[in-house]
Amino acid sequence: MARKTVKIFLDSNVIISGFLSDRGAPRIILDLLSLRLPFITAATGRYNLIEIERNIAKKLPEIMEIYREYFPKIHLKVTPLPKEKDLKRYRGMIDKKDLPVLVSAMNFGADFLVTGDKKDFAKIAGDNRLPLKIVSPAELLDVIKAFLE
């Protein structure tokens, strides 16, 4: 029986955390993506990349070189900035700054939006209107583990 492909969308904080530490769930996710496992397709959004690069330049300039060297090795697809009509449909569901992340993940067709932002995404995590599941990096590793068993 063929395995299903799982589509994941990484929030900015997961990517930054993965580059900052050599251990922990975010780093393991980035390492797994670098292996190009056939059952995982991953993306982040253009909005996220803008946020990542702004935050690194402002708060963590010492990791900019690492980010630029290793980001291509994790093989993330990059979804375009969401259109205003797509944002409008979900406005009010989540904080304005997180709305482009949510819509980008849905536009990608993600099964899972992976975020370490428990505070802002927790209020919609179980919303049945969403076509994806919002999970922490550790929860995603449990999903991936199930594929490997």
N, C-alpha and C. Protein backbone atom coordinates (compact mmCIF):
# COMPACT_ATOMS: atom_id res chain seq x y z
N MET A 1 0.84 -1.18 0.00
CA MET A 1 0.00 0.00 0.00
C MET A 1 0.89 1.25 0.00
N ALA A 2 0.58 2.20 -0.86
CA ALA A 2 1.37 3.42 -0.96
C ALA A 2 1.10 4.35 0.22
N ARG A 3 2.14 4.99 0.69
CA ARG A 3 2.00 5.94 1.78
C ARG A 3 1.41 7.24 1.26
N LYS A 4 0.61 7.87 2.07
CA LYS A 4 0.09 9.19 1.77
C LYS A 4 1.21 10.20 1.97
N THR A 5 1.19 11.25 1.22
CA THR A 5 2.13 12.34 1.43
C THR A 5 1.50 13.33 2.39
N VAL A 6 2.27 13.76 3.37
CA VAL A 6 1.80 14.75 4.31
C VAL A 6 2.38 16.10 3.90
N LYS A 7 1.50 17.12 3.87
CA LYS A 7 1.92 18.46 3.49
C LYS A 7 1.96 19.33 4.74
N ILE A 8 3.15 19.89 4.99
CA ILE A 8 3.30 20.71 6.18
C ILE A 8 3.70 22.13 5.79
N PHE A 9 3.26 23.07 6.60
CA PHE A 9 3.59 24.48 6.41
C PHE A 9 4.26 24.96 7.68
N LEU A 10 5.46 25.49 7.57
CA LEU A 10 6.22 25.94 8.73
C LEU A 10 6.07 27.43 8.96
N ASP A 11 5.68 27.77 10.18
CA ASP A 11 5.61 29.17 10.60
C ASP A 11 7.04 29.67 10.81
N SER A 12 7.20 30.96 10.77
CA SER A 12 8.51 31.60 10.92
C SER A 12 9.25 31.17 12.17
N ASN A 13 8.52 31.09 13.28
CA ASN A 13 9.18 30.78 14.55
C ASN A 13 9.79 29.38 14.57
N VAL A 14 9.21 28.46 13.83
CA VAL A 14 9.76 27.10 13.76
C VAL A 14 11.08 27.11 12.98
N ILE A 15 11.11 27.85 11.91
CA ILE A 15 12.32 27.92 11.08
C ILE A 15 13.45 28.62 11.85
N ILE A 16 13.15 29.75 12.47
CA ILE A 16 14.18 30.45 13.24
C ILE A 16 14.68 29.58 14.39
N SER A 17 13.76 28.95 15.11
CA SER A 17 14.16 28.08 16.22
C SER A 17 15.04 26.94 15.75
N GLY A 18 14.71 26.39 14.59
CA GLY A 18 15.51 25.30 14.03
C GLY A 18 16.92 25.71 13.68
N PHE A 19 17.09 26.96 13.27
CA PHE A 19 18.43 27.46 12.95
C PHE A 19 19.20 27.89 14.19
N LEU A 20 18.48 28.25 15.25
CA LEU A 20 19.13 28.71 16.48
C LEU A 20 19.69 27.58 17.34
N SER A 21 19.06 26.43 17.26
CA SER A 21 19.45 25.33 18.15
C SER A 21 19.83 24.10 17.34
N ASP A 22 20.74 23.31 17.89
CA ASP A 22 21.10 22.06 17.21
C ASP A 22 20.33 20.88 17.76
N ARG A 23 19.32 21.15 18.58
CA ARG A 23 18.46 20.09 19.10
C ARG A 23 17.05 20.64 19.27
N GLY A 24 16.13 19.77 19.60
CA GLY A 24 14.75 20.17 19.77
C GLY A 24 13.93 19.88 18.52
N ALA A 25 12.63 19.89 18.68
CA ALA A 25 11.73 19.53 17.59
C ALA A 25 11.88 20.40 16.35
N PRO A 26 12.00 21.73 16.47
CA PRO A 26 12.17 22.52 15.23
C PRO A 26 13.41 22.11 14.44
N ARG A 27 14.51 21.85 15.12
CA ARG A 27 15.74 21.46 14.42
C ARG A 27 15.59 20.09 13.78
N ILE A 28 14.94 19.16 14.49
CA ILE A 28 14.72 17.83 13.92
C ILE A 28 13.88 17.92 12.66
N ILE A 29 12.87 18.78 12.67
CA ILE A 29 12.03 18.96 11.48
C ILE A 29 12.86 19.46 10.31
N LEU A 30 13.69 20.48 10.55
CA LEU A 30 14.54 20.99 9.46
C LEU A 30 15.50 19.91 8.96
N ASP A 31 16.07 19.14 9.87
CA ASP A 31 16.97 18.06 9.47
C ASP A 31 16.24 17.02 8.63
N LEU A 32 15.01 16.66 9.04
CA LEU A 32 14.23 15.69 8.27
C LEU A 32 13.91 16.22 6.88
N LEU A 33 13.59 17.50 6.79
CA LEU A 33 13.29 18.09 5.48
C LEU A 33 14.51 18.07 4.57
N SER A 34 15.69 18.21 5.15
CA SER A 34 16.90 18.18 4.33
C SER A 34 17.14 16.81 3.71
N LEU A 35 16.50 15.78 4.28
CA LEU A 35 16.65 14.42 3.75
C LEU A 35 15.75 14.15 2.54
N ARG A 36 14.83 15.07 2.27
CA ARG A 36 13.88 14.92 1.15
C ARG A 36 13.11 13.60 1.24
N LEU A 37 12.54 13.33 2.40
CA LEU A 37 11.74 12.12 2.58
C LEU A 37 10.56 12.17 1.61
N PRO A 38 10.27 11.06 0.95
CA PRO A 38 9.26 11.08 -0.12
C PRO A 38 7.82 11.30 0.36
N PHE A 39 7.58 11.17 1.64
CA PHE A 39 6.21 11.31 2.12
C PHE A 39 5.94 12.66 2.78
N ILE A 40 6.91 13.58 2.72
CA ILE A 40 6.72 14.92 3.29
C ILE A 40 6.93 15.97 2.21
N THR A 41 5.96 16.85 2.06
CA THR A 41 6.10 18.03 1.23
C THR A 41 5.95 19.22 2.16
N ALA A 42 6.88 20.15 2.11
CA ALA A 42 6.86 21.24 3.07
C ALA A 42 6.96 22.59 2.37
N ALA A 43 6.39 23.58 3.04
CA ALA A 43 6.41 24.95 2.51
C ALA A 43 6.44 25.94 3.66
N THR A 44 6.74 27.15 3.30
CA THR A 44 6.52 28.32 4.13
C THR A 44 6.04 29.40 3.18
N GLY A 45 5.69 30.54 3.71
CA GLY A 45 5.16 31.59 2.85
C GLY A 45 6.13 32.72 2.60
N ARG A 46 5.92 33.43 1.52
CA ARG A 46 6.72 34.63 1.23
C ARG A 46 6.61 35.59 2.43
N TYR A 47 5.40 35.69 3.00
CA TYR A 47 5.18 36.52 4.19
C TYR A 47 6.10 36.08 5.32
N ASN A 48 6.23 34.77 5.52
CA ASN A 48 7.09 34.24 6.57
C ASN A 48 8.55 34.56 6.32
N LEU A 49 8.98 34.44 5.07
CA LEU A 49 10.38 34.73 4.75
C LEU A 49 10.72 36.20 5.01
N ILE A 50 9.79 37.08 4.70
CA ILE A 50 10.00 38.50 4.98
C ILE A 50 10.16 38.69 6.49
N GLU A 51 9.28 38.04 7.25
CA GLU A 51 9.33 38.13 8.71
C GLU A 51 10.63 37.53 9.27
N ILE A 52 11.03 36.38 8.75
CA ILE A 52 12.26 35.72 9.21
C ILE A 52 13.46 36.62 8.96
N GLU A 53 13.60 37.12 7.76
CA GLU A 53 14.76 37.92 7.41
C GLU A 53 14.79 39.24 8.18
N ARG A 54 13.62 39.83 8.41
CA ARG A 54 13.54 41.05 9.20
C ARG A 54 13.98 40.78 10.64
N ASN A 55 13.46 39.70 11.23
CA ASN A 55 13.79 39.38 12.62
C ASN A 55 15.26 38.99 12.79
N ILE A 56 15.79 38.23 11.84
CA ILE A 56 17.21 37.86 11.94
C ILE A 56 18.08 39.11 11.83
N ALA A 57 17.80 39.97 10.86
CA ALA A 57 18.60 41.18 10.68
C ALA A 57 18.55 42.08 11.91
N LYS A 58 17.38 42.16 12.53
CA LYS A 58 17.19 43.06 13.66
C LYS A 58 17.68 42.47 14.99
N LYS A 59 17.37 41.18 15.23
CA LYS A 59 17.61 40.60 16.55
C LYS A 59 18.72 39.54 16.59
N LEU A 60 19.00 38.91 15.44
CA LEU A 60 19.94 37.79 15.42
C LEU A 60 20.89 37.86 14.22
N PRO A 61 21.54 38.98 14.00
CA PRO A 61 22.37 39.10 12.80
C PRO A 61 23.46 38.04 12.71
N GLU A 62 23.85 37.48 13.85
CA GLU A 62 24.92 36.46 13.85
C GLU A 62 24.49 35.16 13.16
N ILE A 63 23.20 34.94 12.95
CA ILE A 63 22.79 33.70 12.27
C ILE A 63 22.39 33.92 10.81
N MET A 64 22.50 35.15 10.30
CA MET A 64 22.09 35.43 8.92
C MET A 64 22.87 34.56 7.93
N GLU A 65 24.16 34.42 8.13
CA GLU A 65 24.97 33.61 7.22
C GLU A 65 24.54 32.15 7.25
N ILE A 66 24.28 31.63 8.44
CA ILE A 66 23.80 30.25 8.59
C ILE A 66 22.46 30.08 7.88
N TYR A 67 21.56 31.03 8.10
CA TYR A 67 20.25 31.00 7.46
C TYR A 67 20.40 30.96 5.93
N ARG A 68 21.19 31.86 5.40
CA ARG A 68 21.35 31.93 3.93
C ARG A 68 21.99 30.67 3.36
N GLU A 69 22.92 30.08 4.09
CA GLU A 69 23.59 28.88 3.60
C GLU A 69 22.70 27.64 3.69
N TYR A 70 21.97 27.51 4.79
CA TYR A 70 21.24 26.27 5.02
C TYR A 70 19.77 26.29 4.62
N PHE A 71 19.18 27.47 4.45
CA PHE A 71 17.77 27.51 4.07
C PHE A 71 17.49 26.72 2.78
N PRO A 72 18.30 26.86 1.74
CA PRO A 72 18.03 26.09 0.51
C PRO A 72 18.09 24.57 0.73
N LYS A 73 18.82 24.14 1.72
CA LYS A 73 18.99 22.70 1.95
C LYS A 73 17.78 22.04 2.60
N ILE A 74 16.82 22.84 3.08
CA ILE A 74 15.63 22.23 3.69
C ILE A 74 14.49 22.10 2.68
N HIS A 75 14.71 22.55 1.46
CA HIS A 75 13.82 22.28 0.34
C HIS A 75 12.36 22.69 0.59
N LEU A 76 12.16 23.88 1.12
CA LEU A 76 10.80 24.37 1.33
C LEU A 76 10.28 25.04 0.07
N LYS A 77 9.05 24.73 -0.28
CA LYS A 77 8.38 25.50 -1.32
C LYS A 77 7.98 26.82 -0.67
N VAL A 78 7.88 27.87 -1.44
CA VAL A 78 7.51 29.17 -0.90
C VAL A 78 6.21 29.62 -1.57
N THR A 79 5.18 29.78 -0.75
CA THR A 79 3.89 30.21 -1.28
C THR A 79 3.88 31.73 -1.42
N PRO A 80 3.21 32.24 -2.44
CA PRO A 80 3.18 33.69 -2.63
C PRO A 80 2.38 34.38 -1.52
N LEU A 81 2.56 35.68 -1.44
CA LEU A 81 1.76 36.46 -0.49
C LEU A 81 0.28 36.24 -0.81
N PRO A 82 -0.55 36.06 0.22
CA PRO A 82 -1.97 35.84 -0.05
C PRO A 82 -2.63 37.09 -0.61
N LYS A 83 -3.64 36.87 -1.42
CA LYS A 83 -4.40 37.97 -2.00
C LYS A 83 -5.38 38.52 -0.95
N GLU A 84 -5.72 39.78 -1.10
CA GLU A 84 -6.62 40.44 -0.15
C GLU A 84 -7.95 39.72 -0.03
N LYS A 85 -8.49 39.21 -1.14
CA LYS A 85 -9.79 38.52 -1.08
C LYS A 85 -9.71 37.25 -0.23
N ASP A 86 -8.55 36.58 -0.25
CA ASP A 86 -8.37 35.39 0.58
C ASP A 86 -8.26 35.75 2.05
N LEU A 87 -7.55 36.85 2.32
CA LEU A 87 -7.41 37.31 3.71
C LEU A 87 -8.76 37.72 4.27
N LYS A 88 -9.53 38.41 3.46
CA LYS A 88 -10.83 38.94 3.90
C LYS A 88 -11.75 37.83 4.40
N ARG A 89 -11.70 36.69 3.74
CA ARG A 89 -12.57 35.57 4.08
C ARG A 89 -12.36 35.09 5.52
N TYR A 90 -11.13 35.20 6.03
CA TYR A 90 -10.80 34.68 7.36
C TYR A 90 -10.52 35.78 8.39
N ARG A 91 -10.70 37.03 7.99
CA ARG A 91 -10.44 38.15 8.89
C ARG A 91 -11.31 38.04 10.15
N GLY A 92 -10.72 38.33 11.28
CA GLY A 92 -11.42 38.26 12.55
C GLY A 92 -11.28 36.91 13.24
N MET A 93 -10.81 35.93 12.51
CA MET A 93 -10.64 34.59 13.07
C MET A 93 -9.38 34.50 13.93
N ILE A 94 -8.39 35.30 13.54
CA ILE A 94 -7.09 35.28 14.20
C ILE A 94 -6.49 36.68 14.11
N ASP A 95 -5.49 36.95 14.91
CA ASP A 95 -4.82 38.24 14.91
C ASP A 95 -4.37 38.62 13.50
N LYS A 96 -4.47 39.89 13.18
CA LYS A 96 -4.14 40.40 11.84
C LYS A 96 -2.74 40.01 11.37
N LYS A 97 -1.76 40.00 12.28
CA LYS A 97 -0.38 39.68 11.87
C LYS A 97 -0.21 38.20 11.54
N ASP A 98 -1.09 37.33 12.07
CA ASP A 98 -1.00 35.90 11.81
C ASP A 98 -1.89 35.43 10.66
N LEU A 99 -2.78 36.29 10.23
CA LEU A 99 -3.71 35.92 9.16
C LEU A 99 -3.01 35.51 7.87
N PRO A 100 -1.97 36.24 7.40
CA PRO A 100 -1.29 35.80 6.17
C PRO A 100 -0.62 34.43 6.32
N VAL A 101 -0.20 34.08 7.53
CA VAL A 101 0.41 32.77 7.77
C VAL A 101 -0.65 31.68 7.58
N LEU A 102 -1.79 31.86 8.22
CA LEU A 102 -2.88 30.89 8.12
C LEU A 102 -3.35 30.73 6.67
N VAL A 103 -3.57 31.84 5.99
CA VAL A 103 -4.07 31.78 4.61
C VAL A 103 -3.01 31.20 3.67
N SER A 104 -1.74 31.52 3.89
CA SER A 104 -0.68 30.93 3.06
C SER A 104 -0.64 29.42 3.22
N ALA A 105 -0.80 28.95 4.46
CA ALA A 105 -0.81 27.50 4.71
C ALA A 105 -1.99 26.83 4.01
N MET A 106 -3.15 27.47 4.06
CA MET A 106 -4.32 26.90 3.38
C MET A 106 -4.16 26.95 1.86
N ASN A 107 -3.59 28.03 1.34
CA ASN A 107 -3.36 28.12 -0.10
C ASN A 107 -2.40 27.05 -0.58
N PHE A 108 -1.46 26.65 0.26
CA PHE A 108 -0.53 25.57 -0.07
C PHE A 108 -1.22 24.21 -0.04
N GLY A 109 -2.35 24.14 0.67
CA GLY A 109 -3.04 22.86 0.82
C GLY A 109 -2.45 22.02 1.93
N ALA A 110 -1.89 22.70 2.93
CA ALA A 110 -1.23 22.00 4.03
C ALA A 110 -2.21 21.16 4.83
N ASP A 111 -1.71 20.00 5.26
CA ASP A 111 -2.44 19.18 6.22
C ASP A 111 -2.20 19.72 7.62
N PHE A 112 -0.98 20.27 7.82
CA PHE A 112 -0.58 20.75 9.14
C PHE A 112 0.11 22.10 9.02
N LEU A 113 -0.31 23.04 9.86
CA LEU A 113 0.40 24.30 10.05
C LEU A 113 1.20 24.12 11.34
N VAL A 114 2.52 24.15 11.23
CA VAL A 114 3.40 23.89 12.36
C VAL A 114 3.88 25.23 12.92
N THR A 115 3.54 25.48 14.18
CA THR A 115 3.89 26.74 14.80
C THR A 115 4.24 26.55 16.26
N GLY A 116 5.12 27.38 16.74
CA GLY A 116 5.43 27.42 18.16
C GLY A 116 4.64 28.53 18.85
N ASP A 117 3.81 29.21 18.11
CA ASP A 117 3.02 30.34 18.60
C ASP A 117 1.72 29.85 19.21
N LYS A 118 1.81 29.31 20.41
CA LYS A 118 0.64 28.74 21.08
C LYS A 118 -0.38 29.81 21.43
N LYS A 119 0.08 30.97 21.82
CA LYS A 119 -0.82 32.03 22.28
C LYS A 119 -1.78 32.47 21.18
N ASP A 120 -1.27 32.78 20.01
CA ASP A 120 -2.12 33.33 18.96
C ASP A 120 -2.89 32.28 18.16
N PHE A 121 -2.32 31.11 17.98
CA PHE A 121 -2.98 30.10 17.17
C PHE A 121 -3.87 29.15 17.98
N ALA A 122 -3.71 29.14 19.30
CA ALA A 122 -4.47 28.20 20.14
C ALA A 122 -5.97 28.39 20.02
N LYS A 123 -6.43 29.61 19.87
CA LYS A 123 -7.87 29.86 19.82
C LYS A 123 -8.55 29.30 18.57
N ILE A 124 -7.77 29.00 17.54
CA ILE A 124 -8.39 28.43 16.33
C ILE A 124 -7.91 27.01 16.04
N ALA A 125 -7.07 26.48 16.91
CA ALA A 125 -6.45 25.17 16.67
C ALA A 125 -7.46 24.06 16.43
N GLY A 126 -8.57 24.07 17.08
CA GLY A 126 -9.55 23.00 16.90
C GLY A 126 -10.73 23.39 16.03
N ASP A 127 -10.63 24.50 15.31
CA ASP A 127 -11.74 25.00 14.51
C ASP A 127 -12.00 24.07 13.32
N ASN A 128 -13.18 23.50 13.27
CA ASN A 128 -13.54 22.55 12.21
C ASN A 128 -13.72 23.21 10.84
N ARG A 129 -13.78 24.53 10.80
CA ARG A 129 -13.91 25.22 9.51
C ARG A 129 -12.59 25.25 8.75
N LEU A 130 -11.50 24.98 9.45
CA LEU A 130 -10.18 25.01 8.82
C LEU A 130 -9.87 23.68 8.16
N PRO A 131 -9.31 23.72 6.95
CA PRO A 131 -8.98 22.48 6.24
C PRO A 131 -7.63 21.88 6.65
N LEU A 132 -7.07 22.37 7.74
CA LEU A 132 -5.77 21.89 8.21
C LEU A 132 -5.79 21.81 9.73
N LYS A 133 -4.77 21.17 10.26
CA LYS A 133 -4.64 21.06 11.71
C LYS A 133 -3.44 21.90 12.14
N ILE A 134 -3.60 22.65 13.22
CA ILE A 134 -2.52 23.47 13.75
C ILE A 134 -1.84 22.68 14.85
N VAL A 135 -0.52 22.47 14.68
CA VAL A 135 0.23 21.64 15.62
C VAL A 135 1.54 22.30 16.01
N SER A 136 2.06 21.87 17.15
CA SER A 136 3.39 22.30 17.60
C SER A 136 4.43 21.46 16.85
N PRO A 137 5.68 21.89 16.87
CA PRO A 137 6.72 21.06 16.26
C PRO A 137 6.78 19.64 16.85
N ALA A 138 6.63 19.52 18.17
CA ALA A 138 6.66 18.18 18.80
C ALA A 138 5.49 17.32 18.32
N GLU A 139 4.32 17.92 18.17
CA GLU A 139 3.16 17.17 17.67
C GLU A 139 3.38 16.70 16.24
N LEU A 140 4.03 17.53 15.43
CA LEU A 140 4.32 17.12 14.05
C LEU A 140 5.27 15.93 14.05
N LEU A 141 6.24 15.92 14.93
CA LEU A 141 7.16 14.78 14.98
C LEU A 141 6.41 13.47 15.29
N ASP A 142 5.37 13.54 16.10
CA ASP A 142 4.55 12.36 16.35
C ASP A 142 3.86 11.89 15.06
N VAL A 143 3.41 12.82 14.25
CA VAL A 143 2.78 12.49 12.96
C VAL A 143 3.81 11.82 12.05
N ILE A 144 4.99 12.41 11.97
CA ILE A 144 6.04 11.85 11.11
C ILE A 144 6.46 10.47 11.60
N LYS A 145 6.56 10.32 12.90
CA LYS A 145 6.92 9.01 13.47
C LYS A 145 5.94 7.94 13.03
N ALA A 146 4.65 8.28 13.00
CA ALA A 146 3.63 7.31 12.56
C ALA A 146 3.87 6.87 11.11
N PHE A 147 4.38 7.78 10.28
CA PHE A 147 4.69 7.41 8.90
C PHE A 147 5.86 6.46 8.81
N LEU A 148 6.75 6.54 9.76
CA LEU A 148 7.95 5.72 9.74
C LEU A 148 7.74 4.34 10.33
N GLU A 149 6.65 4.15 11.03
CA GLU A 149 6.39 2.85 11.68
C GLU A 149 5.75 1.86 10.73
